[in-house]
Amino acid sequence: MIVPAFRRRQFYPILALAFLAGTLLPTPAVSQEAPAPGAQQEATLQPARAGASAQRIFAELISHNESRNAALRSYSALRSYAVSDPNGKVHAQEQVQVDYRAPETKSFSTLSGKGSPLVRRLVLHGLMNSEAETTSGKKHRDSTINNANYTFSLLGEQDLGTSHCFVVQATPTRSDKYLFEGKVWIDAKDYAIVQIAGHPAKKLSVWIDKADFVRRYQKVGDFWLPLKDETNVHVRFYGGKILTIDHQSYRINEVERAQLSVGGESAK
């Protein structure tokens, strides 16, 4: 069974960038506040409808995700990774094709890359390896968005892009760098996560002043899949680094359709 991205949210990007921030600059630079990750334009927060509750919303979310996960047998997509500084200087870029096959196989093929080989190897390839290991079950962190890890409070309703969403505050039940504190936007019709914005529940290092992330999702057919990740860290004396991941060109369940087509031809 595929585990949705929001259920095993890994903070490896933040940890990797924290290390990276100290390796890119040989001497301390003037500290600058990095801009917050770019979330979608949000409308005014409105009161929640009568009868709505955070627990009921998350129960619906889990139920709908289980149905979607059962139907998602495979996908492929293009991803663009970039590591930059707040001034827009790009240290490394890489474009890859990612292929997923249920229940637990995910592979990455590099299509192009440029910039620092060290950054690409330590940060980008390390991130891909970590994700593949998590999917296969070789690496697991209990970061599921559930009642054991979080308490939830319903803040209201809000339009985010084309989605009308419930907005819920997620507060971790323990201090753990693999959990987050922040807000979750949930589509009020599909009961799917549209956006998560927050920061780690535990300070990552005495050197890290700030670590924020935003993950946005898109609807592709009947499924909600990642659209864009932005992870922003600010390291004391060294300034900020930003990891951006763009997800595009999804092709869903093509392996199964191809197998059915071959099977149909064989039966003739």
Protein backbone atom coordinates (compact mmCIF):
# COMPACT_ATOMS: atom_id res chain seq x y z
CA MET A 1 0.00 0.00 0.00
CA ILE A 2 1.37 3.42 -0.90
CA VAL A 3 1.69 5.71 2.08
CA PRO A 4 0.51 9.23 1.24
CA ALA A 5 3.16 11.92 1.32
CA PHE A 6 1.50 13.67 4.26
CA ARG A 7 1.65 10.51 6.36
CA ARG A 8 5.41 10.05 6.21
CA ARG A 9 6.57 13.62 5.98
CA GLN A 10 10.38 13.37 6.23
CA PHE A 11 12.48 16.37 7.28
CA TYR A 12 15.62 15.06 5.58
CA PRO A 13 15.60 18.10 3.25
CA ILE A 14 15.89 20.41 6.24
CA LEU A 15 18.63 18.34 7.87
CA ALA A 16 20.57 18.13 4.62
CA LEU A 17 20.30 21.85 3.97
CA ALA A 18 21.39 22.60 7.53
CA PHE A 19 24.62 20.72 6.80
CA LEU A 20 24.86 22.26 3.38
CA ALA A 21 24.61 25.82 4.67
CA GLY A 22 27.83 25.34 6.55
CA THR A 23 29.70 23.87 3.57
CA LEU A 24 28.83 26.33 0.82
CA LEU A 25 30.31 29.37 2.53
CA PRO A 26 33.93 29.12 3.76
CA THR A 27 33.59 32.27 5.90
CA PRO A 28 30.58 33.75 7.73
CA ALA A 29 28.38 35.92 5.55
CA VAL A 30 26.13 38.78 6.51
CA SER A 31 22.97 37.25 7.89
CA GLN A 32 19.88 37.80 5.75
CA GLU A 33 16.31 36.81 6.39
CA ALA A 34 15.23 34.46 3.64
CA PRO A 35 11.76 35.06 2.22
CA ALA A 36 9.09 32.70 3.47
CA PRO A 37 8.28 29.81 1.15
CA GLY A 38 5.74 30.86 -1.47
CA ALA A 39 2.32 29.60 -0.50
CA GLN A 40 -0.68 30.03 -2.76
CA GLN A 41 -2.71 33.21 -2.41
CA GLU A 42 -5.09 32.72 0.48
CA ALA A 43 -8.51 34.30 0.88
CA THR A 44 -9.86 35.54 4.19
CA LEU A 45 -10.37 32.86 6.82
CA GLN A 46 -14.09 32.29 7.44
CA PRO A 47 -15.84 30.57 10.37
CA ALA A 48 -16.32 26.83 9.98
CA ARG A 49 -19.72 25.51 9.05
CA ALA A 50 -22.04 24.20 11.76
CA GLY A 51 -21.28 20.63 12.83
CA ALA A 52 -17.73 20.60 11.46
CA SER A 53 -14.94 19.38 13.75
CA ALA A 54 -11.26 18.62 13.28
CA GLN A 55 -11.68 14.98 14.34
CA ARG A 56 -14.53 14.39 11.89
CA ILE A 57 -12.61 16.07 9.06
CA PHE A 58 -9.52 13.91 9.64
CA ALA A 59 -11.64 10.75 9.86
CA GLU A 60 -13.04 11.61 6.41
CA LEU A 61 -9.55 12.45 5.15
CA ILE A 62 -8.14 9.08 6.19
CA SER A 63 -11.11 7.21 4.72
CA HIS A 64 -10.88 9.00 1.37
CA ASN A 65 -7.12 8.55 1.22
CA GLU A 66 -7.43 4.82 1.80
CA SER A 67 -9.74 4.60 -1.22
CA ARG A 68 -7.44 6.69 -3.38
CA ASN A 69 -4.38 4.73 -2.29
CA ALA A 70 -6.03 1.44 -3.21
CA ALA A 71 -6.70 2.76 -6.71
CA LEU A 72 -3.23 4.23 -7.25
CA ARG A 73 -1.23 1.28 -8.58
CA SER A 74 1.55 3.18 -10.35
CA TYR A 75 2.66 6.57 -11.54
CA SER A 76 5.58 8.35 -13.15
CA ALA A 77 6.41 12.02 -12.98
CA LEU A 78 9.08 14.60 -13.67
CA ARG A 79 10.70 16.36 -10.74
CA SER A 80 12.92 19.41 -10.76
CA TYR A 81 15.15 19.91 -7.71
CA ALA A 82 17.01 23.14 -6.96
CA VAL A 83 19.11 24.42 -4.06
CA SER A 84 19.50 28.19 -3.94
CA ASP A 85 20.16 31.09 -1.61
CA PRO A 86 17.75 33.94 -0.76
CA ASN A 87 19.32 36.13 -3.46
CA GLY A 88 18.38 33.62 -6.14
CA LYS A 89 21.82 32.13 -6.72
CA VAL A 90 21.33 28.48 -7.64
CA HIS A 91 23.94 26.10 -6.23
CA ALA A 92 22.63 22.91 -7.82
CA GLN A 93 19.79 21.69 -10.03
CA GLU A 94 18.65 18.30 -11.14
CA GLN A 95 15.75 16.96 -13.18
CA VAL A 96 14.71 13.37 -12.62
CA GLN A 97 12.01 10.94 -13.56
CA VAL A 98 10.40 9.19 -10.63
CA ASP A 99 8.55 5.89 -11.09
CA TYR A 100 6.30 4.38 -8.44
CA ARG A 101 4.82 0.89 -8.46
CA ALA A 102 2.52 -0.28 -5.67
CA PRO A 103 2.96 -1.33 -3.02
CA GLU A 104 6.52 -0.28 -2.21
CA THR A 105 8.79 0.41 -5.18
CA LYS A 106 10.01 3.87 -6.10
CA SER A 107 12.97 4.61 -8.38
CA PHE A 108 14.68 7.75 -9.66
CA SER A 109 16.42 8.32 -13.01
CA THR A 110 18.49 11.47 -13.49
CA LEU A 111 17.71 13.25 -16.78
CA SER A 112 19.90 16.32 -16.36
CA GLY A 113 21.85 18.20 -13.73
CA LYS A 114 24.13 21.14 -13.21
CA GLY A 115 25.85 23.03 -10.44
CA SER A 116 27.86 21.76 -7.49
CA PRO A 117 28.49 17.99 -7.64
CA LEU A 118 28.87 18.02 -3.84
CA VAL A 119 25.45 19.58 -3.31
CA ARG A 120 23.85 17.24 -5.82
CA ARG A 121 25.38 14.18 -4.18
CA LEU A 122 24.91 15.09 -0.52
CA VAL A 123 21.54 16.81 -0.69
CA LEU A 124 19.62 15.85 -3.83
CA HIS A 125 20.75 12.24 -4.25
CA GLY A 126 20.59 11.74 -0.50
CA LEU A 127 17.01 12.99 -0.50
CA MET A 128 16.01 10.64 -3.32
CA ASN A 129 17.67 7.66 -1.62
CA SER A 130 15.90 8.46 1.63
CA GLU A 131 12.52 8.62 -0.12
CA ALA A 132 13.10 5.32 -1.92
CA GLU A 133 14.08 3.63 1.36
CA THR A 134 11.03 5.03 3.13
CA THR A 135 8.72 3.77 0.38
CA SER A 136 10.24 0.28 0.53
CA GLY A 137 9.93 0.12 4.31
CA LYS A 138 13.70 0.13 4.92
CA LYS A 139 13.39 3.45 6.73
CA HIS A 140 10.37 4.39 8.78
CA ARG A 141 9.54 7.29 11.05
CA ASP A 142 6.24 7.46 12.88
CA SER A 143 5.25 10.82 11.47
CA THR A 144 1.70 9.90 10.46
CA ILE A 145 -0.84 12.68 10.83
CA ASN A 146 -3.06 10.96 13.39
CA ASN A 147 -4.34 11.36 16.94
CA ALA A 148 -1.28 9.65 18.40
CA ASN A 149 1.09 12.24 16.95
CA TYR A 150 -1.02 15.39 16.81
CA THR A 151 -3.88 17.26 18.39
CA PHE A 152 -6.07 19.17 15.94
CA SER A 153 -8.11 22.34 16.17
CA LEU A 154 -10.36 23.63 13.42
CA LEU A 155 -9.51 27.23 12.58
CA GLY A 156 -12.15 27.84 9.92
CA GLU A 157 -12.65 27.63 6.15
CA GLN A 158 -10.72 29.31 3.37
CA ASP A 159 -10.36 29.37 -0.41
CA LEU A 160 -6.92 28.29 -1.57
CA GLY A 161 -6.49 28.47 -5.32
CA THR A 162 -9.51 26.69 -6.78
CA SER A 163 -10.18 24.66 -3.63
CA HIS A 164 -12.48 25.53 -0.76
CA CYS A 165 -10.72 24.15 2.30
CA PHE A 166 -11.05 23.42 5.97
CA VAL A 167 -8.05 24.92 7.78
CA VAL A 168 -6.79 22.92 10.74
CA GLN A 169 -4.00 23.65 13.20
CA ALA A 170 -1.83 20.57 13.85
CA THR A 171 0.03 20.56 17.18
CA PRO A 172 2.48 17.68 17.79
CA THR A 173 2.02 15.58 20.92
CA ARG A 174 5.78 15.33 21.50
CA SER A 175 8.98 17.12 20.66
CA ASP A 176 10.24 15.23 17.62
CA LYS A 177 12.13 16.57 14.58
CA TYR A 178 10.14 14.21 12.34
CA LEU A 179 6.86 15.84 13.36
CA PHE A 180 5.78 19.35 12.48
CA GLU A 181 3.76 22.18 13.94
CA GLY A 182 1.64 24.11 11.50
CA LYS A 183 -1.50 24.37 9.42
CA VAL A 184 -3.17 21.87 7.11
CA TRP A 185 -5.60 22.86 4.34
CA ILE A 186 -8.07 20.08 3.43
CA ASP A 187 -10.34 20.21 0.39
CA ALA A 188 -13.90 20.33 1.71
CA LYS A 189 -15.28 18.27 -1.18
CA ASP A 190 -12.64 15.60 -1.80
CA TYR A 191 -11.24 15.46 1.74
CA ALA A 192 -7.69 15.65 0.41
CA ILE A 193 -4.76 17.70 1.64
CA VAL A 194 -4.22 20.78 -0.53
CA GLN A 195 -1.38 22.35 1.45
CA ILE A 196 0.71 21.89 4.59
CA ALA A 197 2.78 24.74 6.05
CA GLY A 198 4.86 24.54 9.20
CA HIS A 199 8.16 23.88 10.90
CA PRO A 200 9.73 20.96 12.78
CA ALA A 201 8.36 20.24 16.23
CA LYS A 202 11.89 20.07 17.64
CA LYS A 203 14.74 22.46 17.05
CA LEU A 204 17.13 20.77 14.64
CA SER A 205 20.34 22.34 15.87
CA VAL A 206 21.69 25.23 17.95
CA TRP A 207 22.95 26.60 14.62
CA ILE A 208 19.56 26.68 12.94
CA ASP A 209 17.50 29.79 13.66
CA LYS A 210 14.62 28.89 11.38
CA ALA A 211 13.34 25.93 9.39
CA ASP A 212 10.06 26.28 7.50
CA PHE A 213 8.39 24.28 4.78
CA VAL A 214 5.37 24.48 2.50
CA ARG A 215 4.07 21.52 0.50
CA ARG A 216 1.32 22.06 -2.06
CA TYR A 217 -0.73 19.38 -3.80
CA GLN A 218 -2.55 19.18 -7.14
CA LYS A 219 -5.47 17.10 -8.33
CA VAL A 220 -4.54 14.76 -11.17
CA GLY A 221 -7.57 12.80 -12.31
CA ASP A 222 -9.04 11.27 -9.16
CA PHE A 223 -5.82 11.65 -7.17
CA TRP A 224 -4.13 14.40 -5.15
CA LEU A 225 -0.37 14.38 -5.63
CA PRO A 226 2.49 16.74 -4.72
CA LEU A 227 2.83 19.92 -6.78
CA LYS A 228 5.62 21.86 -5.09
CA ASP A 229 7.81 21.69 -1.99
CA GLU A 230 9.76 24.59 -0.57
CA THR A 231 12.02 24.08 2.44
CA ASN A 232 13.71 27.14 3.87
CA VAL A 233 16.41 27.05 6.56
CA HIS A 234 18.35 29.85 8.16
CA VAL A 235 21.65 28.91 9.77
CA ARG A 236 23.28 31.21 12.31
CA PHE A 237 26.14 33.26 10.80
CA TYR A 238 25.76 31.60 7.36
CA GLY A 239 22.37 32.79 6.15
CA GLY A 240 19.63 30.95 4.33
CA LYS A 241 19.33 28.08 1.89
CA ILE A 242 16.20 27.04 0.00
CA LEU A 243 15.36 23.63 -1.43
CA THR A 244 12.62 23.64 -4.08
CA ILE A 245 11.05 20.56 -5.64
CA ASP A 246 8.58 20.90 -8.52
CA HIS A 247 6.43 17.89 -9.46
CA GLN A 248 4.88 17.75 -12.92
CA SER A 249 3.81 15.61 -15.90
CA TYR A 250 2.19 12.83 -13.90
CA ARG A 251 1.19 9.64 -15.72
CA ILE A 252 -1.02 7.47 -13.56
CA ASN A 253 -1.72 3.72 -13.70
CA GLU A 254 -0.26 3.41 -17.20
CA VAL A 255 1.44 0.10 -16.32
CA GLU A 256 -1.89 -1.45 -15.36
CA ARG A 257 -3.62 -0.11 -18.48
CA ALA A 258 -0.82 -1.50 -20.65
CA GLN A 259 -1.11 -4.91 -18.98
CA LEU A 260 -4.87 -4.94 -19.48
CA SER A 261 -4.40 -4.01 -23.14
CA VAL A 262 -1.89 -6.82 -23.66
CA GLY A 263 -4.17 -9.24 -21.85
CA GLY A 264 -7.09 -8.23 -24.02
CA GLU A 265 -5.08 -8.75 -27.20
CA SER A 266 -3.89 -12.16 -25.98
CA ALA A 267 -7.44 -13.26 -25.30
CA LYS A 268 -8.53 -12.61 -28.87
